[in-house]
C-alpha atoms as a PDB file:
ATOM      1  CA  UNK A   1      23.248 -18.603 -26.748  1.00  0.00           C
ATOM      2  CA  UNK A   2      20.446 -16.568 -25.950  1.00  0.00           C
ATOM      3  CA  UNK A   3      19.394 -13.970 -27.394  1.00  0.00           C
ATOM      4  CA  UNK A   4      19.843 -10.438 -25.988  1.00  0.00           C
ATOM      5  CA  UNK A   5      16.269  -8.971 -25.174  1.00  0.00           C
ATOM      6  CA  UNK A   6      15.324  -5.860 -25.714  1.00  0.00           C
ATOM      7  CA  UNK A   7      15.068  -3.311 -22.750  1.00  0.00           C
ATOM      8  CA  UNK A   8      11.475  -2.749 -22.218  1.00  0.00           C
ATOM      9  CA  UNK A   9      11.070   1.366 -22.244  1.00  0.00           C
ATOM     10  CA  UNK A  10       9.748   3.185 -20.265  1.00  0.00           C
ATOM     11  CA  UNK A  11       6.064   3.504 -21.719  1.00  0.00           C
ATOM     12  CA  UNK A  12       6.291  -0.403 -21.760  1.00  0.00           C
ATOM     13  CA  UNK A  13       6.064  -0.491 -17.913  1.00  0.00           C
ATOM     14  CA  UNK A  14       3.236   1.591 -17.674  1.00  0.00           C
ATOM     15  CA  UNK A  15       0.231   0.601 -16.191  1.00  0.00           C
ATOM     16  CA  UNK A  16      -2.354  -1.142 -18.237  1.00  0.00           C
ATOM     17  CA  UNK A  17      -0.190  -1.374 -21.432  1.00  0.00           C
ATOM     18  CA  UNK A  18       1.562  -4.658 -20.849  1.00  0.00           C
ATOM     19  CA  UNK A  19       2.042  -7.028 -17.638  1.00  0.00           C
ATOM     20  CA  UNK A  20       4.289  -7.281 -15.425  1.00  0.00           C
ATOM     21  CA  UNK A  21       8.188  -9.196 -17.396  1.00  0.00           C
ATOM     22  CA  UNK A  22       7.946 -11.770 -15.067  1.00  0.00           C
ATOM     23  CA  UNK A  23       4.609 -12.262 -13.699  1.00  0.00           C
ATOM     24  CA  UNK A  24       1.810 -13.167 -15.929  1.00  0.00           C
ATOM     25  CA  UNK A  25      -1.297 -11.562 -14.933  1.00  0.00           C
ATOM     26  CA  UNK A  26      -3.867 -13.646 -14.102  1.00  0.00           C
ATOM     27  CA  UNK A  27      -6.944 -11.207 -14.372  1.00  0.00           C
ATOM     28  CA  UNK A  28      -7.782 -10.486 -17.317  1.00  0.00           C
ATOM     29  CA  UNK A  29     -11.011  -8.758 -16.986  1.00  0.00           C
ATOM     30  CA  UNK A  30     -12.333  -6.251 -14.404  1.00  0.00           C
ATOM     31  CA  UNK A  31     -14.480  -7.646 -11.866  1.00  0.00           C
ATOM     32  CA  UNK A  32     -17.680  -6.965 -10.544  1.00  0.00           C
ATOM     33  CA  UNK A  33     -15.114  -6.537  -7.018  1.00  0.00           C
ATOM     34  CA  UNK A  34     -12.525  -4.200  -8.579  1.00  0.00           C
ATOM     35  CA  UNK A  35     -15.543  -1.753  -9.255  1.00  0.00           C
ATOM     36  CA  UNK A  36     -16.487  -1.976  -6.121  1.00  0.00           C
ATOM     37  CA  UNK A  37     -12.935  -1.391  -5.219  1.00  0.00           C
ATOM     38  CA  UNK A  38     -12.311   1.773  -7.450  1.00  0.00           C
ATOM     39  CA  UNK A  39     -15.502   2.772  -6.150  1.00  0.00           C
ATOM     40  CA  UNK A  40     -15.098   2.577  -2.407  1.00  0.00           C
ATOM     41  CA  UNK A  41     -11.533   4.774  -3.245  1.00  0.00           C
ATOM     42  CA  UNK A  42     -12.890   7.075  -5.253  1.00  0.00           C
ATOM     43  CA  UNK A  43     -16.120   7.911  -2.638  1.00  0.00           C
ATOM     44  CA  UNK A  44     -12.849   7.986  -0.403  1.00  0.00           C
ATOM     45  CA  UNK A  45     -10.879  10.802  -1.936  1.00  0.00           C
ATOM     46  CA  UNK A  46     -13.912  12.779  -2.264  1.00  0.00           C
ATOM     47  CA  UNK A  47     -14.431  12.723   1.296  1.00  0.00           C
ATOM     48  CA  UNK A  48     -11.098  14.621   1.377  1.00  0.00           C
ATOM     49  CA  UNK A  49     -12.305  16.700  -0.523  1.00  0.00           C
ATOM     50  CA  UNK A  50     -15.175  17.858   0.314  1.00  0.00           C
ATOM     51  CA  UNK A  51     -14.391  18.262   3.904  1.00  0.00           C
ATOM     52  CA  UNK A  52     -12.571  21.193   2.812  1.00  0.00           C
ATOM     53  CA  UNK A  53     -14.312  24.626   2.730  1.00  0.00           C
ATOM     54  CA  UNK A  54     -14.641  26.613   0.208  1.00  0.00           C
ATOM     55  CA  UNK A  55     -12.815  29.691   0.137  1.00  0.00           C
ATOM     56  CA  UNK A  56     -14.598  32.622   0.907  1.00  0.00           C
ATOM     57  CA  UNK A  57     -12.142  35.242   0.763  1.00  0.00           C
ATOM     58  CA  UNK A  58      -8.474  35.390   0.710  1.00  0.00           C
ATOM     59  CA  UNK A  59      -8.036  34.427   4.533  1.00  0.00           C
ATOM     60  CA  UNK A  60      -9.482  30.991   3.632  1.00  0.00           C
ATOM     61  CA  UNK A  61      -7.965  30.793   0.666  1.00  0.00           C
ATOM     62  CA  UNK A  62      -4.292  30.525   2.106  1.00  0.00           C
ATOM     63  CA  UNK A  63      -5.822  28.105   4.828  1.00  0.00           C
ATOM     64  CA  UNK A  64      -6.974  25.817   1.961  1.00  0.00           C
ATOM     65  CA  UNK A  65      -3.252  26.504   0.462  1.00  0.00           C
ATOM     66  CA  UNK A  66      -1.957  25.297   4.307  1.00  0.00           C
ATOM     67  CA  UNK A  67      -3.639  22.556   4.252  1.00  0.00           C
ATOM     68  CA  UNK A  68      -2.670  21.240   0.745  1.00  0.00           C
ATOM     69  CA  UNK A  69       0.040  18.988   2.027  1.00  0.00           C
ATOM     70  CA  UNK A  70      -1.760  17.348   4.243  1.00  0.00           C
ATOM     71  CA  UNK A  71      -3.931  16.363   1.665  1.00  0.00           C
ATOM     72  CA  UNK A  72      -1.555  15.156  -0.807  1.00  0.00           C
ATOM     73  CA  UNK A  73      -0.720  12.944   1.728  1.00  0.00           C
ATOM     74  CA  UNK A  74      -4.216  11.319   2.386  1.00  0.00           C
ATOM     75  CA  UNK A  75      -3.860  11.246  -1.222  1.00  0.00           C
ATOM     76  CA  UNK A  76      -0.784   9.356  -1.752  1.00  0.00           C
ATOM     77  CA  UNK A  77      -1.633   6.900   1.286  1.00  0.00           C
ATOM     78  CA  UNK A  78      -5.228   6.540  -0.379  1.00  0.00           C
ATOM     79  CA  UNK A  79      -3.372   6.146  -3.876  1.00  0.00           C
ATOM     80  CA  UNK A  80      -0.942   2.501  -2.145  1.00  0.00           C
ATOM     81  CA  UNK A  81      -3.384   1.201  -0.848  1.00  0.00           C
ATOM     82  CA  UNK A  82      -5.467   1.304  -4.144  1.00  0.00           C
ATOM     83  CA  UNK A  83      -2.772   0.251  -6.318  1.00  0.00           C
ATOM     84  CA  UNK A  84      -1.808  -3.012  -3.927  1.00  0.00           C
ATOM     85  CA  UNK A  85      -5.915  -3.483  -4.734  1.00  0.00           C
ATOM     86  CA  UNK A  86      -5.052  -3.161  -7.861  1.00  0.00           C
ATOM     87  CA  UNK A  87      -1.930  -5.104  -8.298  1.00  0.00           C
ATOM     88  CA  UNK A  88      -3.013  -8.282  -6.426  1.00  0.00           C
ATOM     89  CA  UNK A  89      -6.246  -8.797  -8.598  1.00  0.00           C
ATOM     90  CA  UNK A  90      -3.858  -8.393 -12.148  1.00  0.00           C
ATOM     91  CA  UNK A  91      -1.619 -11.241 -10.885  1.00  0.00           C
ATOM     92  CA  UNK A  92      -3.783 -13.905  -9.185  1.00  0.00           C
ATOM     93  CA  UNK A  93      -7.768 -12.859 -10.698  1.00  0.00           C
ATOM     94  CA  UNK A  94      -8.822 -14.542  -7.073  1.00  0.00           C
ATOM     95  CA  UNK A  95     -12.752 -14.117  -6.549  1.00  0.00           C
ATOM     96  CA  UNK A  96     -13.502 -16.536  -4.118  1.00  0.00           C
ATOM     97  CA  UNK A  97     -14.995 -16.165  -0.857  1.00  0.00           C
ATOM     98  CA  UNK A  98     -12.558 -15.733   1.076  1.00  0.00           C
ATOM     99  CA  UNK A  99     -10.705 -13.292  -1.322  1.00  0.00           C
ATOM    100  CA  UNK A 100     -14.286 -11.135  -1.007  1.00  0.00           C
ATOM    101  CA  UNK A 101     -14.626 -11.461   2.498  1.00  0.00           C
ATOM    102  CA  UNK A 102     -10.746  -9.843   2.963  1.00  0.00           C
ATOM    103  CA  UNK A 103     -11.781  -7.180   0.370  1.00  0.00           C
ATOM    104  CA  UNK A 104     -14.839  -6.060   2.127  1.00  0.00           C
ATOM    105  CA  UNK A 105     -12.757  -5.608   5.490  1.00  0.00           C
ATOM    106  CA  UNK A 106      -9.904  -3.379   3.111  1.00  0.00           C
ATOM    107  CA  UNK A 107     -12.637  -1.358   2.060  1.00  0.00           C
ATOM    108  CA  UNK A 108     -14.304  -0.578   5.060  1.00  0.00           C
ATOM    109  CA  UNK A 109     -11.164   0.866   7.060  1.00  0.00           C
ATOM    110  CA  UNK A 110     -10.051   2.456   3.803  1.00  0.00           C
ATOM    111  CA  UNK A 111     -13.417   4.580   4.753  1.00  0.00           C
ATOM    112  CA  UNK A 112     -12.843   4.636   8.185  1.00  0.00           C
ATOM    113  CA  UNK A 113      -9.475   5.483   8.112  1.00  0.00           C
ATOM    114  CA  UNK A 114      -9.860   8.968   6.011  1.00  0.00           C
ATOM    115  CA  UNK A 115     -10.660  11.541   8.374  1.00  0.00           C
ATOM    116  CA  UNK A 116      -8.489  10.135  11.322  1.00  0.00           C
ATOM    117  CA  UNK A 117      -5.639  10.519   8.174  1.00  0.00           C
ATOM    118  CA  UNK A 118      -6.398  13.805   7.212  1.00  0.00           C
ATOM    119  CA  UNK A 119      -6.785  15.362  11.202  1.00  0.00           C
ATOM    120  CA  UNK A 120      -3.263  13.572  11.750  1.00  0.00           C
ATOM    121  CA  UNK A 121      -1.331  15.218   8.720  1.00  0.00           C
ATOM    122  CA  UNK A 122      -2.975  18.237   9.469  1.00  0.00           C
ATOM    123  CA  UNK A 123      -1.321  17.843  12.573  1.00  0.00           C
ATOM    124  CA  UNK A 124       1.635  17.541  11.361  1.00  0.00           C
ATOM    125  CA  UNK A 125       1.474  18.958   7.761  1.00  0.00           C
ATOM    126  CA  UNK A 126      -0.822  22.091   9.076  1.00  0.00           C
ATOM    127  CA  UNK A 127      -3.878  22.961   7.628  1.00  0.00           C
ATOM    128  CA  UNK A 128      -5.896  24.124  10.696  1.00  0.00           C
ATOM    129  CA  UNK A 129      -5.955  21.297  12.961  1.00  0.00           C
ATOM    130  CA  UNK A 130      -5.357  21.174  16.715  1.00  0.00           C
ATOM    131  CA  UNK A 131      -4.571  19.089  19.476  1.00  0.00           C
ATOM    132  CA  UNK A 132      -5.497  20.067  23.124  1.00  0.00           C
ATOM    133  CA  UNK A 133      -2.325  18.260  24.443  1.00  0.00           C
ATOM    134  CA  UNK A 134      -0.104  15.326  24.309  1.00  0.00           C
ATOM    135  CA  UNK A 135      -3.428  12.830  25.036  1.00  0.00           C
ATOM    136  CA  UNK A 136      -5.068  13.234  21.806  1.00  0.00           C
ATOM    137  CA  UNK A 137      -1.964  13.276  20.052  1.00  0.00           C
ATOM    138  CA  UNK A 138      -1.490   9.623  21.563  1.00  0.00           C
ATOM    139  CA  UNK A 139      -4.967   8.640  20.656  1.00  0.00           C
ATOM    140  CA  UNK A 140      -4.390   9.334  17.098  1.00  0.00           C
ATOM    141  CA  UNK A 141      -1.215   7.746  16.757  1.00  0.00           C
ATOM    142  CA  UNK A 142      -2.927   4.173  17.872  1.00  0.00           C
ATOM    143  CA  UNK A 143      -6.023   4.871  15.841  1.00  0.00           C
ATOM    144  CA  UNK A 144      -3.507   5.534  12.599  1.00  0.00           C
ATOM    145  CA  UNK A 145      -1.210   2.473  13.638  1.00  0.00           C
ATOM    146  CA  UNK A 146      -3.988  -0.010  14.668  1.00  0.00           C
ATOM    147  CA  UNK A 147      -5.847   1.294  11.503  1.00  0.00           C
ATOM    148  CA  UNK A 148      -3.005   0.807   9.160  1.00  0.00           C
ATOM    149  CA  UNK A 149      -1.741  -2.382  10.614  1.00  0.00           C
ATOM    150  CA  UNK A 150      -5.090  -3.682  10.385  1.00  0.00           C
ATOM    151  CA  UNK A 151      -5.093  -2.640   6.713  1.00  0.00           C
ATOM    152  CA  UNK A 152      -2.073  -4.578   6.060  1.00  0.00           C
ATOM    153  CA  UNK A 153      -2.579  -7.129   7.834  1.00  0.00           C
ATOM    154  CA  UNK A 154      -5.861  -8.206   5.222  1.00  0.00           C
ATOM    155  CA  UNK A 155      -3.806  -7.344   2.707  1.00  0.00           C
ATOM    156  CA  UNK A 156      -1.116 -10.091   3.715  1.00  0.00           C
ATOM    157  CA  UNK A 157      -3.443 -12.512   4.577  1.00  0.00           C
ATOM    158  CA  UNK A 158      -4.071 -12.097   0.645  1.00  0.00           C
ATOM    159  CA  UNK A 159      -0.851 -12.169  -0.167  1.00  0.00           C
ATOM    160  CA  UNK A 160      -0.300 -15.864   1.964  1.00  0.00           C
ATOM    161  CA  UNK A 161      -3.749 -16.656   0.435  1.00  0.00           C
ATOM    162  CA  UNK A 162      -2.440 -16.804  -3.229  1.00  0.00           C
ATOM    163  CA  UNK A 163       0.879 -17.798  -1.676  1.00  0.00           C
ATOM    164  CA  UNK A 164      -1.404 -21.414  -0.876  1.00  0.00           C
ATOM    165  CA  UNK A 165      -2.986 -21.579  -3.947  1.00  0.00           C
ATOM    166  CA  UNK A 166       0.300 -21.073  -5.888  1.00  0.00           C
ATOM    167  CA  UNK A 167      -0.659 -25.195  -7.627  1.00  0.00           C
ATOM    168  CA  UNK A 168      -3.975 -23.640  -8.845  1.00  0.00           C
ATOM    169  CA  UNK A 169      -2.751 -20.529 -10.012  1.00  0.00           C
ATOM    170  CA  UNK A 170       0.575 -22.192 -11.739  1.00  0.00           C
ATOM    171  CA  UNK A 171       2.941 -19.568  -9.982  1.00  0.00           C
ATOM    172  CA  UNK A 172       6.087 -20.143 -11.504  1.00  0.00           C
ATOM    173  CA  UNK A 173       9.548 -20.154  -9.611  1.00  0.00           C
ATOM    174  CA  UNK A 174       9.747 -16.262 -10.189  1.00  0.00           C
ATOM    175  CA  UNK A 175       5.995 -16.029  -9.198  1.00  0.00           C
ATOM    176  CA  UNK A 176       6.346 -17.067  -6.254  1.00  0.00           C
ATOM    177  CA  UNK A 177       9.235 -15.351  -5.290  1.00  0.00           C
ATOM    178  CA  UNK A 178       7.484 -11.777  -6.198  1.00  0.00           C
ATOM    179  CA  UNK A 179       4.953 -12.945  -3.896  1.00  0.00           C
ATOM    180  CA  UNK A 180       6.758 -14.332  -0.962  1.00  0.00           C
ATOM    181  CA  UNK A 181       8.380 -10.177  -1.221  1.00  0.00           C
ATOM    182  CA  UNK A 182       5.234  -8.814  -1.313  1.00  0.00           C
ATOM    183  CA  UNK A 183       4.130 -10.795   1.788  1.00  0.00           C
ATOM    184  CA  UNK A 184       7.274  -9.826   3.465  1.00  0.00           C
ATOM    185  CA  UNK A 185       6.931  -6.170   2.740  1.00  0.00           C
ATOM    186  CA  UNK A 186       3.453  -6.190   4.372  1.00  0.00           C
ATOM    187  CA  UNK A 187       4.187  -8.217   7.599  1.00  0.00           C
ATOM    188  CA  UNK A 188       7.207  -5.085   7.750  1.00  0.00           C
ATOM    189  CA  UNK A 189       4.055  -2.654   7.265  1.00  0.00           C
ATOM    190  CA  UNK A 190       2.383  -4.318  10.082  1.00  0.00           C
ATOM    191  CA  UNK A 191       5.524  -4.770  12.696  1.00  0.00           C
ATOM    192  CA  UNK A 192       6.073  -0.522  12.369  1.00  0.00           C
ATOM    193  CA  UNK A 193       2.508   0.141  12.510  1.00  0.00           C
ATOM    194  CA  UNK A 194       2.859  -1.803  15.667  1.00  0.00           C
ATOM    195  CA  UNK A 195       6.014  -0.326  17.107  1.00  0.00           C
ATOM    196  CA  UNK A 196       4.553   3.168  16.394  1.00  0.00           C
ATOM    197  CA  UNK A 197       1.374   2.273  18.665  1.00  0.00           C
ATOM    198  CA  UNK A 198       3.916   0.898  21.709  1.00  0.00           C
ATOM    199  CA  UNK A 199       5.862   4.030  21.569  1.00  0.00           C
ATOM    200  CA  UNK A 200       2.667   6.112  22.588  1.00  0.00           C
ATOM    201  CA  UNK A 201       2.776   4.141  25.375  1.00  0.00           C
ATOM    202  CA  UNK A 202       6.417   4.459  26.727  1.00  0.00           C
ATOM    203  CA  UNK A 203       7.529   7.478  25.517  1.00  0.00           C
ATOM    204  CA  UNK A 204       7.177  11.335  26.347  1.00  0.00           C
ATOM    205  CA  UNK A 205       8.757  12.722  22.684  1.00  0.00           C
ATOM    206  CA  UNK A 206       4.971  13.645  20.952  1.00  0.00           C
ATOM    207  CA  UNK A 207       7.063  12.732  17.443  1.00  0.00           C
ATOM    208  CA  UNK A 208       9.061   9.494  17.376  1.00  0.00           C
ATOM    209  CA  UNK A 209       5.830   7.336  17.243  1.00  0.00           C
ATOM    210  CA  UNK A 210       5.674   9.249  13.752  1.00  0.00           C
ATOM    211  CA  UNK A 211       9.437   9.435  12.914  1.00  0.00           C
ATOM    212  CA  UNK A 212       9.552   5.805  13.338  1.00  0.00           C
ATOM    213  CA  UNK A 213       7.639   5.139  10.134  1.00  0.00           C
ATOM    214  CA  UNK A 214      10.672   6.394   8.667  1.00  0.00           C
ATOM    215  CA  UNK A 215      11.875   2.763   9.155  1.00  0.00           C
ATOM    216  CA  UNK A 216       9.990   1.105   6.764  1.00  0.00           C
ATOM    217  CA  UNK A 217      11.915   2.985   3.723  1.00  0.00           C
ATOM    218  CA  UNK A 218      15.124   0.343   5.084  1.00  0.00           C
ATOM    219  CA  UNK A 219      12.935  -2.481   5.356  1.00  0.00           C
ATOM    220  CA  UNK A 220      11.121  -1.806   2.145  1.00  0.00           C
ATOM    221  CA  UNK A 221      14.743  -1.606   0.220  1.00  0.00           C
ATOM    222  CA  UNK A 222      16.389  -4.486   2.937  1.00  0.00           C
ATOM    223  CA  UNK A 223      13.551  -6.764   1.862  1.00  0.00           C
ATOM    224  CA  UNK A 224      13.787  -5.912  -2.215  1.00  0.00           C
ATOM    225  CA  UNK A 225      17.469  -6.629  -2.144  1.00  0.00           C
ATOM    226  CA  UNK A 226      17.260 -10.063  -0.556  1.00  0.00           C
ATOM    227  CA  UNK A 227      14.182 -11.182  -2.888  1.00  0.00           C
ATOM    228  CA  UNK A 228      16.041  -9.090  -5.845  1.00  0.00           C
ATOM    229  CA  UNK A 229      19.084 -11.921  -5.605  1.00  0.00           C
ATOM    230  CA  UNK A 230      16.801 -14.756  -5.483  1.00  0.00           C
ATOM    231  CA  UNK A 231      15.161 -13.349  -8.952  1.00  0.00           C
ATOM    232  CA  UNK A 232      18.938 -12.385 -10.204  1.00  0.00           C
ATOM    233  CA  UNK A 233      20.253 -16.237  -9.295  1.00  0.00           C
ATOM    234  CA  UNK A 234      17.062 -17.406 -10.489  1.00  0.00           C
ATOM    235  CA  UNK A 235      17.137 -15.514 -14.500  1.00  0.00           C
ATOM    236  CA  UNK A 236      21.261 -16.139 -14.814  1.00  0.00           C
ATOM    237  CA  UNK A 237      20.234 -20.085 -14.239  1.00  0.00           C
ATOM    238  CA  UNK A 238      17.572 -19.686 -16.729  1.00  0.00           C
ATOM    239  CA  UNK A 239      20.111 -17.912 -18.707  1.00  0.00           C
ATOM    240  CA  UNK A 240      23.049 -20.690 -18.407  1.00  0.00           C
ATOM    241  CA  UNK A 241      23.594 -22.509 -22.082  1.00  0.00           C
ATOM    242  CA  UNK A 242      22.610 -26.115 -22.619  1.00  0.00           C
ATOM    243  CA  UNK A 243      25.575 -28.310 -22.745  1.00  0.00           C
ATOM    244  CA  UNK A 244      23.429 -30.421 -24.500  1.00  0.00           C
END
């Protein structure tokens, strides 16, 4: 009978303390490519900060506080992109020409997306952004949707590249499931982005292209449960006692 393994604590799951339970990290040392990415993501966050005017009176301070939700939303999205970047290079450690090229395009789009992001969330959540008519709103939705669809497509291409290199990377059964989970998640993100862009051409309701991004949560849950059952099946099979 297999021994019961101690359950990992929340500290064990902190980034950098230990690799994932079911995924061997092949990226050991932080590469120059990752250092470049960290610098670009850090610069993107800096652009968010410097685009906010320093308040000179109480009214200016109130304006900055009203813009905090938009700033926080942009901050969270940039960290989401950074986390996916970090996870890919920790898991697979790929640095070939194809990986580097996709990485450069991701960083380019992240830099380009900073101001459209802040403009859009400023219109949604407050912060001084004003739009003159629905046509400007549709344009921002399209820029946002196409930009994000492009970034998630590049992440999907990275995952597909790792999947094609599965023999070179020696991915085991569980690692293949997690790789396919990420690939499906990125494809779902792309589909929702294109849905939002398409809605800007067929609807007159200004809230609908934005609200459709709420589909990401249920789709991610469905994707996680579907692949989670596959992971559990592999673990159950491994834990079955041998009949020898």
